[in-house]
Amino acid sequence: MATKAAAYRAGFNDCVRDVMAYVSAYNVTDVSRINNLSDHLHLSLFDISRLNPKEGTASAARTAKHVL
């Protein structure tokens, strides 16, 4: 199970990078929308990480914030 969770997080982080690159490429200037999107993605990963406490919730949450 740990391997599946780690693979999911890695895929999620890749997706977050792609989303943020897309937003950046189109010069989105509405900072509140960017912040809302960033917060949503961060909280989504945090919620998923809570389901697997043995996987290191704190490190997963830091990873999401670092990606964004």
C-alpha atoms as a PDB file:
ATOM      1  CA  MET A   1       0.000   0.000   0.000  1.00  0.00           C
ATOM      2  CA  ALA A   2       2.856   2.395   0.749  1.00  0.00           C
ATOM      3  CA  THR A   3       4.121   2.108  -2.813  1.00  0.00           C
ATOM      4  CA  LYS A   4       0.704   2.966  -4.264  1.00  0.00           C
ATOM      5  CA  ALA A   5       0.378   5.993  -2.003  1.00  0.00           C
ATOM      6  CA  ALA A   6       3.860   7.219  -2.918  1.00  0.00           C
ATOM      7  CA  ALA A   7       3.134   6.736  -6.621  1.00  0.00           C
ATOM      8  CA  TYR A   8      -0.150   8.612  -6.266  1.00  0.00           C
ATOM      9  CA  ARG A   9       1.575  11.516  -4.507  1.00  0.00           C
ATOM     10  CA  ALA A  10       4.265  11.638  -7.183  1.00  0.00           C
ATOM     11  CA  GLY A  11       1.616  11.730  -9.901  1.00  0.00           C
ATOM     12  CA  PHE A  12      -0.346  14.367  -7.998  1.00  0.00           C
ATOM     13  CA  ASN A  13       2.772  16.528  -7.669  1.00  0.00           C
ATOM     14  CA  ASP A  14       3.440  16.189 -11.410  1.00  0.00           C
ATOM     15  CA  CYS A  15      -0.121  17.257 -12.106  1.00  0.00           C
ATOM     16  CA  VAL A  16       0.222  20.250  -9.779  1.00  0.00           C
ATOM     17  CA  ARG A  17       3.386  21.315 -11.601  1.00  0.00           C
ATOM     18  CA  ASP A  18       1.572  21.056 -14.939  1.00  0.00           C
ATOM     19  CA  VAL A  19      -1.405  23.062 -13.697  1.00  0.00           C
ATOM     20  CA  MET A  20       0.770  25.812 -12.296  1.00  0.00           C
ATOM     21  CA  ALA A  21       2.904  25.876 -15.468  1.00  0.00           C
ATOM     22  CA  TYR A  22      -0.288  26.216 -17.522  1.00  0.00           C
ATOM     23  CA  VAL A  23      -1.506  29.096 -15.366  1.00  0.00           C
ATOM     24  CA  SER A  24       1.893  30.774 -15.597  1.00  0.00           C
ATOM     25  CA  ALA A  25       2.096  30.339 -19.364  1.00  0.00           C
ATOM     26  CA  TYR A  26      -1.129  32.242 -19.852  1.00  0.00           C
ATOM     27  CA  ASN A  27      -0.030  35.118 -17.631  1.00  0.00           C
ATOM     28  CA  VAL A  28      -2.975  34.859 -15.294  1.00  0.00           C
ATOM     29  CA  THR A  29      -2.841  38.059 -13.293  1.00  0.00           C
ATOM     30  CA  ASP A  30      -5.716  37.466 -10.883  1.00  0.00           C
ATOM     31  CA  VAL A  31      -3.630  36.680  -7.811  1.00  0.00           C
ATOM     32  CA  SER A  32      -6.641  35.638  -5.742  1.00  0.00           C
ATOM     33  CA  ARG A  33      -7.538  32.928  -8.268  1.00  0.00           C
ATOM     34  CA  ILE A  34      -3.970  31.659  -8.331  1.00  0.00           C
ATOM     35  CA  ASN A  35      -3.887  31.609  -4.530  1.00  0.00           C
ATOM     36  CA  ASN A  36      -7.262  29.827  -4.361  1.00  0.00           C
ATOM     37  CA  LEU A  37      -6.074  27.212  -6.834  1.00  0.00           C
ATOM     38  CA  SER A  38      -2.815  26.744  -4.953  1.00  0.00           C
ATOM     39  CA  ASP A  39      -4.645  26.419  -1.633  1.00  0.00           C
ATOM     40  CA  HIS A  40      -7.110  23.929  -3.105  1.00  0.00           C
ATOM     41  CA  LEU A  41      -4.367  21.711  -4.486  1.00  0.00           C
ATOM     42  CA  HIS A  42      -2.390  21.897  -1.238  1.00  0.00           C
ATOM     43  CA  LEU A  43      -5.419  20.981   0.868  1.00  0.00           C
ATOM     44  CA  SER A  44      -6.360  18.160  -1.486  1.00  0.00           C
ATOM     45  CA  LEU A  45      -2.973  16.525  -1.059  1.00  0.00           C
ATOM     46  CA  PHE A  46      -3.079  17.113   2.690  1.00  0.00           C
ATOM     47  CA  ASP A  47      -6.513  15.452   2.914  1.00  0.00           C
ATOM     48  CA  ILE A  48      -5.314  12.492   0.867  1.00  0.00           C
ATOM     49  CA  SER A  49      -2.201  12.198   3.025  1.00  0.00           C
ATOM     50  CA  ARG A  50      -4.331  12.087   6.175  1.00  0.00           C
ATOM     51  CA  LEU A  51      -5.846   8.857   4.893  1.00  0.00           C
ATOM     52  CA  ASN A  52      -2.371   7.283   4.995  1.00  0.00           C
ATOM     53  CA  PRO A  53      -0.809   8.568   8.218  1.00  0.00           C
ATOM     54  CA  LYS A  54       2.061   6.083   7.982  1.00  0.00           C
ATOM     55  CA  GLU A  55       3.128   7.761   4.750  1.00  0.00           C
ATOM     56  CA  GLY A  56       4.224  10.955   6.462  1.00  0.00           C
ATOM     57  CA  THR A  57       1.453  13.529   6.301  1.00  0.00           C
ATOM     58  CA  ALA A  58       3.685  16.420   7.275  1.00  0.00           C
ATOM     59  CA  SER A  59       6.247  15.727   4.593  1.00  0.00           C
ATOM     60  CA  ALA A  60       3.525  15.278   1.971  1.00  0.00           C
ATOM     61  CA  ALA A  61       1.968  18.615   2.885  1.00  0.00           C
ATOM     62  CA  ARG A  62       5.371  20.336   2.711  1.00  0.00           C
ATOM     63  CA  THR A  63       5.954  18.742  -0.694  1.00  0.00           C
ATOM     64  CA  ALA A  64       2.703  20.151  -2.049  1.00  0.00           C
ATOM     65  CA  LYS A  65       3.448  23.630  -0.765  1.00  0.00           C
ATOM     66  CA  HIS A  66       6.981  23.438  -2.199  1.00  0.00           C
ATOM     67  CA  VAL A  67       5.615  22.417  -5.611  1.00  0.00           C
ATOM     68  CA  LEU A  68       3.222  25.322  -5.648  1.00  0.00           C
END
